[in-house]
C-alpha atoms as a PDB file:
ATOM      1  CA  MET A   1     -63.569 -22.527   0.399  1.00  0.00           C
ATOM      2  CA  ALA A   2     -65.408 -19.210   0.659  1.00  0.00           C
ATOM      3  CA  THR A   3     -65.558 -19.544   4.463  1.00  0.00           C
ATOM      4  CA  ARG A   4     -61.838 -20.283   4.632  1.00  0.00           C
ATOM      5  CA  SER A   5     -61.041 -17.221   2.453  1.00  0.00           C
ATOM      6  CA  ALA A   6     -63.245 -14.982   4.573  1.00  0.00           C
ATOM      7  CA  THR A   7     -61.528 -16.232   7.710  1.00  0.00           C
ATOM      8  CA  ALA A   8     -58.098 -15.509   6.181  1.00  0.00           C
ATOM      9  CA  ALA A   9     -59.197 -11.998   5.211  1.00  0.00           C
ATOM     10  CA  VAL A  10     -60.381 -11.272   8.739  1.00  0.00           C
ATOM     11  CA  PHE A  11     -57.070 -12.560  10.129  1.00  0.00           C
ATOM     12  CA  LEU A  12     -55.130 -10.229   7.816  1.00  0.00           C
ATOM     13  CA  LEU A  13     -57.226  -7.240   8.872  1.00  0.00           C
ATOM     14  CA  ILE A  14     -56.478  -8.022  12.499  1.00  0.00           C
ATOM     15  CA  ALA A  15     -52.778  -8.674  11.930  1.00  0.00           C
ATOM     16  CA  MET A  16     -52.033  -5.677   9.718  1.00  0.00           C
ATOM     17  CA  PRO A  17     -52.412  -2.931  12.360  1.00  0.00           C
ATOM     18  CA  ALA A  18     -49.960  -4.752  14.656  1.00  0.00           C
ATOM     19  CA  ALA A  19     -47.375  -5.030  11.890  1.00  0.00           C
ATOM     20  CA  HIS A  20     -47.929  -1.412  10.898  1.00  0.00           C
ATOM     21  CA  ALA A  21     -47.476  -0.270  14.497  1.00  0.00           C
ATOM     22  CA  SER A  22     -44.044  -1.904  14.657  1.00  0.00           C
ATOM     23  CA  ASP A  23     -42.741  -0.090  11.565  1.00  0.00           C
ATOM     24  CA  PRO A  24     -39.856   2.325  12.224  1.00  0.00           C
ATOM     25  CA  ASN A  25     -40.696   6.008  12.632  1.00  0.00           C
ATOM     26  CA  ARG A  26     -44.402   5.423  13.212  1.00  0.00           C
ATOM     27  CA  LEU A  27     -46.600   6.188  16.185  1.00  0.00           C
ATOM     28  CA  THR A  28     -49.445   3.995  17.318  1.00  0.00           C
ATOM     29  CA  ASP A  29     -52.836   5.506  17.999  1.00  0.00           C
ATOM     30  CA  ALA A  30     -52.249   4.878  21.706  1.00  0.00           C
ATOM     31  CA  GLU A  31     -48.963   6.803  21.601  1.00  0.00           C
ATOM     32  CA  ARG A  32     -50.637   9.749  19.916  1.00  0.00           C
ATOM     33  CA  ARG A  33     -53.321   9.799  22.582  1.00  0.00           C
ATOM     34  CA  GLN A  34     -50.582   9.801  25.236  1.00  0.00           C
ATOM     35  CA  GLY A  35     -49.014  12.905  23.670  1.00  0.00           C
ATOM     36  CA  TRP A  36     -46.086  11.358  21.811  1.00  0.00           C
ATOM     37  CA  ARG A  37     -44.858  12.855  18.552  1.00  0.00           C
ATOM     38  CA  LEU A  38     -42.041  12.036  16.171  1.00  0.00           C
ATOM     39  CA  LEU A  39     -38.949  14.227  15.923  1.00  0.00           C
ATOM     40  CA  PHE A  40     -37.798  12.446  12.745  1.00  0.00           C
ATOM     41  CA  ASP A  41     -40.085  11.361   9.906  1.00  0.00           C
ATOM     42  CA  GLY A  42     -37.705   8.683   8.575  1.00  0.00           C
ATOM     43  CA  ARG A  43     -37.373  10.346   5.169  1.00  0.00           C
ATOM     44  CA  THR A  44     -36.158  13.934   5.520  1.00  0.00           C
ATOM     45  CA  SER A  45     -34.156  16.190   7.838  1.00  0.00           C
ATOM     46  CA  ALA A  46     -37.247  18.294   8.600  1.00  0.00           C
ATOM     47  CA  GLY A  47     -37.061  19.672  12.135  1.00  0.00           C
ATOM     48  CA  TRP A  48     -33.276  19.301  12.348  1.00  0.00           C
ATOM     49  CA  GLU A  49     -30.403  21.699  11.721  1.00  0.00           C
ATOM     50  CA  GLU A  50     -26.721  22.056  12.501  1.00  0.00           C
ATOM     51  CA  ILE A  51     -26.062  22.669  16.184  1.00  0.00           C
ATOM     52  CA  THR A  52     -25.004  26.234  15.327  1.00  0.00           C
ATOM     53  CA  GLY A  53     -28.405  26.950  13.770  1.00  0.00           C
ATOM     54  CA  LYS A  54     -27.051  26.703  10.235  1.00  0.00           C
ATOM     55  CA  PRO A  55     -28.796  24.444   7.706  1.00  0.00           C
ATOM     56  CA  PHE A  56     -28.715  20.673   8.172  1.00  0.00           C
ATOM     57  CA  PRO A  57     -25.085  19.579   7.522  1.00  0.00           C
ATOM     58  CA  ALA A  58     -25.485  17.135   4.640  1.00  0.00           C
ATOM     59  CA  ASN A  59     -21.695  16.847   4.434  1.00  0.00           C
ATOM     60  CA  CYS A  60     -21.573  14.696   7.578  1.00  0.00           C
ATOM     61  CA  TRP A  61     -25.159  13.479   8.086  1.00  0.00           C
ATOM     62  CA  THR A  62     -27.527  11.637   5.774  1.00  0.00           C
ATOM     63  CA  ILE A  63     -30.820   9.731   5.735  1.00  0.00           C
ATOM     64  CA  GLU A  64     -30.232   5.978   5.322  1.00  0.00           C
ATOM     65  CA  ASP A  65     -32.679   3.093   5.751  1.00  0.00           C
ATOM     66  CA  GLY A  66     -35.133   5.221   7.714  1.00  0.00           C
ATOM     67  CA  SER A  67     -32.392   6.549  10.008  1.00  0.00           C
ATOM     68  CA  LEU A  68     -30.508   9.756  10.618  1.00  0.00           C
ATOM     69  CA  LYS A  69     -26.935   8.608  10.066  1.00  0.00           C
ATOM     70  CA  ALA A  70     -23.714  10.293  11.184  1.00  0.00           C
ATOM     71  CA  LEU A  71     -21.061   9.980   8.481  1.00  0.00           C
ATOM     72  CA  VAL A  72     -17.315   9.583   8.831  1.00  0.00           C
ATOM     73  CA  ARG A  73     -15.641  12.316   6.797  1.00  0.00           C
ATOM     74  CA  SER A  74     -12.277  13.986   6.413  1.00  0.00           C
ATOM     75  CA  ASP A  75     -13.616  17.539   6.212  1.00  0.00           C
ATOM     76  CA  GLY A  76     -15.140  18.070   9.643  1.00  0.00           C
ATOM     77  CA  PHE A  77     -17.944  16.873  11.911  1.00  0.00           C
ATOM     78  CA  GLN A  78     -20.910  18.857  13.153  1.00  0.00           C
ATOM     79  CA  ASP A  79     -23.543  17.874  15.706  1.00  0.00           C
ATOM     80  CA  ILE A  80     -27.188  18.375  14.799  1.00  0.00           C
ATOM     81  CA  ARG A  81     -30.060  19.662  16.925  1.00  0.00           C
ATOM     82  CA  THR A  82     -33.810  19.868  16.999  1.00  0.00           C
ATOM     83  CA  LYS A  83     -35.146  23.223  15.897  1.00  0.00           C
ATOM     84  CA  GLU A  84     -37.436  23.110  18.931  1.00  0.00           C
ATOM     85  CA  VAL A  85     -36.329  23.494  22.526  1.00  0.00           C
ATOM     86  CA  PHE A  86     -37.531  21.340  25.418  1.00  0.00           C
ATOM     87  CA  ARG A  87     -37.565  21.681  29.188  1.00  0.00           C
ATOM     88  CA  SER A  88     -39.269  18.630  30.715  1.00  0.00           C
ATOM     89  CA  PHE A  89     -39.716  15.667  28.421  1.00  0.00           C
ATOM     90  CA  ASP A  90     -39.707  11.919  27.865  1.00  0.00           C
ATOM     91  CA  LEU A  91     -37.493  11.108  24.857  1.00  0.00           C
ATOM     92  CA  GLN A  92     -37.174   7.658  23.298  1.00  0.00           C
ATOM     93  CA  PHE A  93     -34.986   6.617  20.384  1.00  0.00           C
ATOM     94  CA  ASP A  94     -33.296   3.666  18.735  1.00  0.00           C
ATOM     95  CA  TRP A  95     -29.598   3.784  17.893  1.00  0.00           C
ATOM     96  CA  LYS A  96     -27.003   1.568  16.255  1.00  0.00           C
ATOM     97  CA  ILE A  97     -23.215   1.744  16.220  1.00  0.00           C
ATOM     98  CA  LEU A  98     -20.355  -0.417  15.049  1.00  0.00           C
ATOM     99  CA  ARG A  99     -17.836  -2.193  17.258  1.00  0.00           C
ATOM    100  CA  ASP A 100     -15.715   0.847  18.169  1.00  0.00           C
ATOM    101  CA  GLY A 101     -18.468   3.422  17.749  1.00  0.00           C
ATOM    102  CA  ASN A 102     -18.959   6.490  19.932  1.00  0.00           C
ATOM    103  CA  SER A 103     -21.740   9.064  19.910  1.00  0.00           C
ATOM    104  CA  GLY A 104     -24.160  10.727  22.284  1.00  0.00           C
ATOM    105  CA  VAL A 105     -27.413  12.582  22.819  1.00  0.00           C
ATOM    106  CA  LYS A 106     -26.959  15.971  24.450  1.00  0.00           C
ATOM    107  CA  TYR A 107     -29.502  17.956  26.440  1.00  0.00           C
ATOM    108  CA  LEU A 108     -29.615  20.977  28.757  1.00  0.00           C
ATOM    109  CA  ILE A 109     -27.150  22.493  26.306  1.00  0.00           C
ATOM    110  CA  GLN A 110     -25.379  25.537  27.721  1.00  0.00           C
ATOM    111  CA  LYS A 111     -23.308  26.615  24.713  1.00  0.00           C
ATOM    112  CA  VAL A 112     -22.078  25.646  21.254  1.00  0.00           C
ATOM    113  CA  ASP A 113     -18.424  25.485  20.264  1.00  0.00           C
ATOM    114  CA  GLU A 114     -17.282  25.937  16.671  1.00  0.00           C
ATOM    115  CA  TRP A 115     -13.682  25.650  15.460  1.00  0.00           C
ATOM    116  CA  THR A 116     -11.511  24.370  12.611  1.00  0.00           C
ATOM    117  CA  ASN A 117      -8.582  21.998  12.977  1.00  0.00           C
ATOM    118  CA  ALA A 118      -6.675  19.499  10.835  1.00  0.00           C
ATOM    119  CA  ALA A 119      -9.821  17.333  10.677  1.00  0.00           C
ATOM    120  CA  GLY A 120     -11.914  20.224   9.301  1.00  0.00           C
ATOM    121  CA  ARG A 121     -14.676  22.381  10.713  1.00  0.00           C
ATOM    122  CA  GLN A 122     -16.106  21.174  14.027  1.00  0.00           C
ATOM    123  CA  ALA A 123     -19.323  22.188  15.791  1.00  0.00           C
ATOM    124  CA  ARG A 124     -20.261  20.713  19.174  1.00  0.00           C
ATOM    125  CA  ALA A 125     -23.035  21.030  21.713  1.00  0.00           C
ATOM    126  CA  ARG A 126     -21.891  21.458  25.319  1.00  0.00           C
ATOM    127  CA  GLY A 127     -24.233  20.257  28.028  1.00  0.00           C
ATOM    128  CA  LEU A 128     -25.252  16.951  29.589  1.00  0.00           C
ATOM    129  CA  GLU A 129     -24.692  13.853  27.473  1.00  0.00           C
ATOM    130  CA  TYR A 130     -26.373  10.470  27.341  1.00  0.00           C
ATOM    131  CA  GLN A 131     -23.377   8.429  26.174  1.00  0.00           C
ATOM    132  CA  LEU A 132     -23.682   5.990  23.276  1.00  0.00           C
ATOM    133  CA  ALA A 133     -20.703   3.678  22.802  1.00  0.00           C
ATOM    134  CA  GLY A 134     -19.672   0.075  22.458  1.00  0.00           C
ATOM    135  CA  ASP A 135     -17.635  -1.501  25.240  1.00  0.00           C
ATOM    136  CA  GLU A 136     -14.759  -1.923  22.767  1.00  0.00           C
ATOM    137  CA  ASN A 137     -14.533   1.820  22.181  1.00  0.00           C
ATOM    138  CA  ALA A 138     -11.338   3.171  23.766  1.00  0.00           C
ATOM    139  CA  ASP A 139     -13.094   6.131  25.389  1.00  0.00           C
ATOM    140  CA  ALA A 140     -15.844   3.971  26.885  1.00  0.00           C
ATOM    141  CA  ALA A 141     -13.354   1.358  28.053  1.00  0.00           C
ATOM    142  CA  SER A 142     -11.235   3.989  29.810  1.00  0.00           C
ATOM    143  CA  ASP A 143     -13.824   4.850  32.473  1.00  0.00           C
ATOM    144  CA  PRO A 144     -17.180   3.277  33.502  1.00  0.00           C
ATOM    145  CA  ARG A 145     -18.572   6.829  33.569  1.00  0.00           C
ATOM    146  CA  ARG A 146     -18.127   6.825  29.781  1.00  0.00           C
ATOM    147  CA  ALA A 147     -19.935   3.558  29.087  1.00  0.00           C
ATOM    148  CA  ALA A 148     -23.195   3.349  27.155  1.00  0.00           C
ATOM    149  CA  GLY A 149     -26.055   4.915  29.093  1.00  0.00           C
ATOM    150  CA  SER A 150     -23.838   6.960  31.399  1.00  0.00           C
ATOM    151  CA  LEU A 151     -24.104  10.645  32.150  1.00  0.00           C
ATOM    152  CA  TYR A 152     -20.881  11.193  30.277  1.00  0.00           C
ATOM    153  CA  SER A 153     -17.815  11.518  32.507  1.00  0.00           C
ATOM    154  CA  LEU A 154     -19.900  11.906  35.673  1.00  0.00           C
ATOM    155  CA  ILE A 155     -22.252   9.003  36.502  1.00  0.00           C
ATOM    156  CA  ALA A 156     -21.620   5.388  35.495  1.00  0.00           C
ATOM    157  CA  PRO A 157     -24.598   3.225  34.495  1.00  0.00           C
ATOM    158  CA  THR A 158     -25.813   0.801  37.164  1.00  0.00           C
ATOM    159  CA  PRO A 159     -26.303  -1.904  36.127  1.00  0.00           C
ATOM    160  CA  ARG A 160     -23.870  -1.697  33.251  1.00  0.00           C
ATOM    161  CA  ILE A 161     -25.549  -3.086  30.145  1.00  0.00           C
ATOM    162  CA  ARG A 162     -23.490  -4.128  27.171  1.00  0.00           C
ATOM    163  CA  PRO A 163     -25.128  -2.543  24.100  1.00  0.00           C
ATOM    164  CA  LYS A 164     -25.799  -4.585  20.993  1.00  0.00           C
ATOM    165  CA  ILE A 165     -23.282  -3.882  18.230  1.00  0.00           C
ATOM    166  CA  GLY A 166     -24.484  -3.602  14.645  1.00  0.00           C
ATOM    167  CA  GLU A 167     -28.094  -3.829  15.867  1.00  0.00           C
ATOM    168  CA  PHE A 168     -30.519  -1.240  17.146  1.00  0.00           C
ATOM    169  CA  ASN A 169     -30.622  -0.513  20.868  1.00  0.00           C
ATOM    170  CA  HIS A 170     -33.466   1.344  22.561  1.00  0.00           C
ATOM    171  CA  SER A 171     -32.860   4.289  24.883  1.00  0.00           C
ATOM    172  CA  ARG A 172     -35.047   6.532  26.970  1.00  0.00           C
ATOM    173  CA  LEU A 173     -34.140   9.893  28.485  1.00  0.00           C
ATOM    174  CA  VAL A 174     -36.525  11.463  30.993  1.00  0.00           C
ATOM    175  CA  VAL A 175     -36.086  15.025  32.232  1.00  0.00           C
ATOM    176  CA  LYS A 176     -38.798  16.217  34.605  1.00  0.00           C
ATOM    177  CA  GLY A 177     -37.809  19.441  36.297  1.00  0.00           C
ATOM    178  CA  LYS A 178     -34.446  18.568  37.810  1.00  0.00           C
ATOM    179  CA  HIS A 179     -35.089  14.831  37.968  1.00  0.00           C
ATOM    180  CA  VAL A 180     -33.290  12.912  35.200  1.00  0.00           C
ATOM    181  CA  GLU A 181     -33.313   9.247  34.192  1.00  0.00           C
ATOM    182  CA  HIS A 182     -31.325   7.322  31.569  1.00  0.00           C
ATOM    183  CA  TRP A 183     -32.726   3.986  30.368  1.00  0.00           C
ATOM    184  CA  LEU A 184     -31.011   1.445  28.108  1.00  0.00           C
ATOM    185  CA  ASN A 185     -32.800  -1.496  26.494  1.00  0.00           C
ATOM    186  CA  GLY A 186     -35.618  -1.399  29.024  1.00  0.00           C
ATOM    187  CA  THR A 187     -33.538  -0.939  32.190  1.00  0.00           C
ATOM    188  CA  LYS A 188     -33.014   2.272  34.162  1.00  0.00           C
ATOM    189  CA  VAL A 189     -29.238   2.689  34.424  1.00  0.00           C
ATOM    190  CA  VAL A 190     -28.794   6.278  35.673  1.00  0.00           C
ATOM    191  CA  GLU A 191     -30.932   8.511  37.902  1.00  0.00           C
ATOM    192  CA  PHE A 192     -29.906  11.874  39.336  1.00  0.00           C
ATOM    193  CA  ASP A 193     -30.940  15.353  40.460  1.00  0.00           C
ATOM    194  CA  ALA A 194     -29.707  18.019  38.044  1.00  0.00           C
ATOM    195  CA  GLY A 195     -29.650  20.422  40.990  1.00  0.00           C
ATOM    196  CA  GLY A 196     -26.936  18.370  42.691  1.00  0.00           C
ATOM    197  CA  ALA A 197     -23.545  19.962  43.210  1.00  0.00           C
ATOM    198  CA  GLU A 198     -21.577  17.785  40.779  1.00  0.00           C
ATOM    199  CA  VAL A 199     -24.102  18.131  37.962  1.00  0.00           C
ATOM    200  CA  GLN A 200     -24.356  21.872  38.513  1.00  0.00           C
ATOM    201  CA  LYS A 201     -20.561  22.096  38.349  1.00  0.00           C
ATOM    202  CA  LEU A 202     -20.585  20.203  35.064  1.00  0.00           C
ATOM    203  CA  LEU A 203     -23.277  22.458  33.622  1.00  0.00           C
ATOM    204  CA  ARG A 204     -21.511  25.625  34.737  1.00  0.00           C
ATOM    205  CA  GLY A 205     -18.307  24.364  33.177  1.00  0.00           C
ATOM    206  CA  ASN A 206     -20.151  24.362  29.874  1.00  0.00           C
ATOM    207  CA  LEU A 207     -21.341  27.980  30.073  1.00  0.00           C
ATOM    208  CA  PRO A 208     -19.869  30.398  27.526  1.00  0.00           C
ATOM    209  CA  GLU A 209     -16.402  31.627  28.388  1.00  0.00           C
ATOM    210  CA  GLY A 210     -16.481  34.762  30.510  1.00  0.00           C
ATOM    211  CA  SER A 211     -19.893  34.022  32.057  1.00  0.00           C
ATOM    212  CA  ALA A 212     -20.430  35.479  35.534  1.00  0.00           C
ATOM    213  CA  PRO A 213     -20.181  32.976  38.431  1.00  0.00           C
ATOM    214  CA  ASP A 214     -23.884  33.447  39.135  1.00  0.00           C
ATOM    215  CA  ALA A 215     -24.983  33.419  35.486  1.00  0.00           C
ATOM    216  CA  PRO A 216     -28.282  31.550  35.071  1.00  0.00           C
ATOM    217  CA  LEU A 217     -28.113  28.101  33.519  1.00  0.00           C
ATOM    218  CA  VAL A 218     -30.063  27.234  30.393  1.00  0.00           C
ATOM    219  CA  GLU A 219     -33.068  25.167  31.502  1.00  0.00           C
ATOM    220  CA  ALA A 220     -34.739  24.631  28.117  1.00  0.00           C
ATOM    221  CA  SER A 221     -32.625  23.660  25.129  1.00  0.00           C
ATOM    222  CA  PRO A 222     -32.659  21.707  21.895  1.00  0.00           C
ATOM    223  CA  ILE A 223     -31.803  18.021  21.866  1.00  0.00           C
ATOM    224  CA  SER A 224     -28.598  17.297  19.978  1.00  0.00           C
ATOM    225  CA  LEU A 225     -27.254  14.197  18.240  1.00  0.00           C
ATOM    226  CA  GLN A 226     -23.484  13.942  18.198  1.00  0.00           C
ATOM    227  CA  ASN A 227     -21.268  13.159  15.244  1.00  0.00           C
ATOM    228  CA  HIS A 228     -18.177  11.784  16.951  1.00  0.00           C
ATOM    229  CA  SER A 229     -16.490  10.722  13.707  1.00  0.00           C
ATOM    230  CA  SER A 230     -18.057   7.262  13.812  1.00  0.00           C
ATOM    231  CA  GLU A 231     -21.015   5.845  11.917  1.00  0.00           C
ATOM    232  CA  THR A 232     -24.141   6.040  14.056  1.00  0.00           C
ATOM    233  CA  TRP A 233     -27.775   5.466  13.110  1.00  0.00           C
ATOM    234  CA  PHE A 234     -30.795   7.018  14.887  1.00  0.00           C
ATOM    235  CA  ARG A 235     -34.445   6.201  14.270  1.00  0.00           C
ATOM    236  CA  ASN A 236     -37.815   6.077  16.079  1.00  0.00           C
ATOM    237  CA  ILE A 237     -36.974   9.393  17.739  1.00  0.00           C
ATOM    238  CA  LYS A 238     -40.100  10.407  19.620  1.00  0.00           C
ATOM    239  CA  ILE A 239     -40.848  12.805  22.457  1.00  0.00           C
ATOM    240  CA  ARG A 240     -43.597  13.552  24.930  1.00  0.00           C
ATOM    241  CA  VAL A 241     -43.530  16.905  26.703  1.00  0.00           C
ATOM    242  CA  LEU A 242     -43.992  16.608  30.482  1.00  0.00           C
ATOM    243  CA  PRO A 243     -45.204  19.136  33.038  1.00  0.00           C
ATOM    244  CA  ASP A 244     -42.368  20.601  35.131  1.00  0.00           C
END
């Protein structure tokens, strides 16, 4: 009996690290050695603020089940951003939406828009967007360049992968100099050169109004999570800074 108990104890000691490593919002020792770090601790909004730089907008975002969650409200929607800025990076995150959900992760942000309309106060990041949406969402269904994993409105994902609805999907966004990759559930779906004419046109279209034609583009910016008036959950948000 003693031998059997000792064997069981050893098994538990071996098994526990593996289970611990799979917990949300945790890094493994190997990930730490590789330079990964968490952008969200799973419990607080530390490191995040409204896209305008104002305090974290608790009116339309909350912490729920170890996730940053975008709320549906009737008094306005504001994107949030990391307090840090990044230039070249490998970003990974898990996200969940409902059947008609729509959201996005924005990077290389060129400006921030802020306005008030019938739906309340709005604050949006303007830059490149990794689109998050279900195939049933009207916006995503209107154009393959607006499907999950796309470079929003510009490059359709190939192959097109139908995201899981009501479950967590895994995404990866790699920006290394001007080389960009979008990954969805383990498959690379978009790859492009940010120096290309069409991408440059898109970026310049997001510069502040009145900018000179030769105004320099922002090359290091925060990473922003979009509140597109639909419930969206984000967790396991981790980043590794890359050399340019």
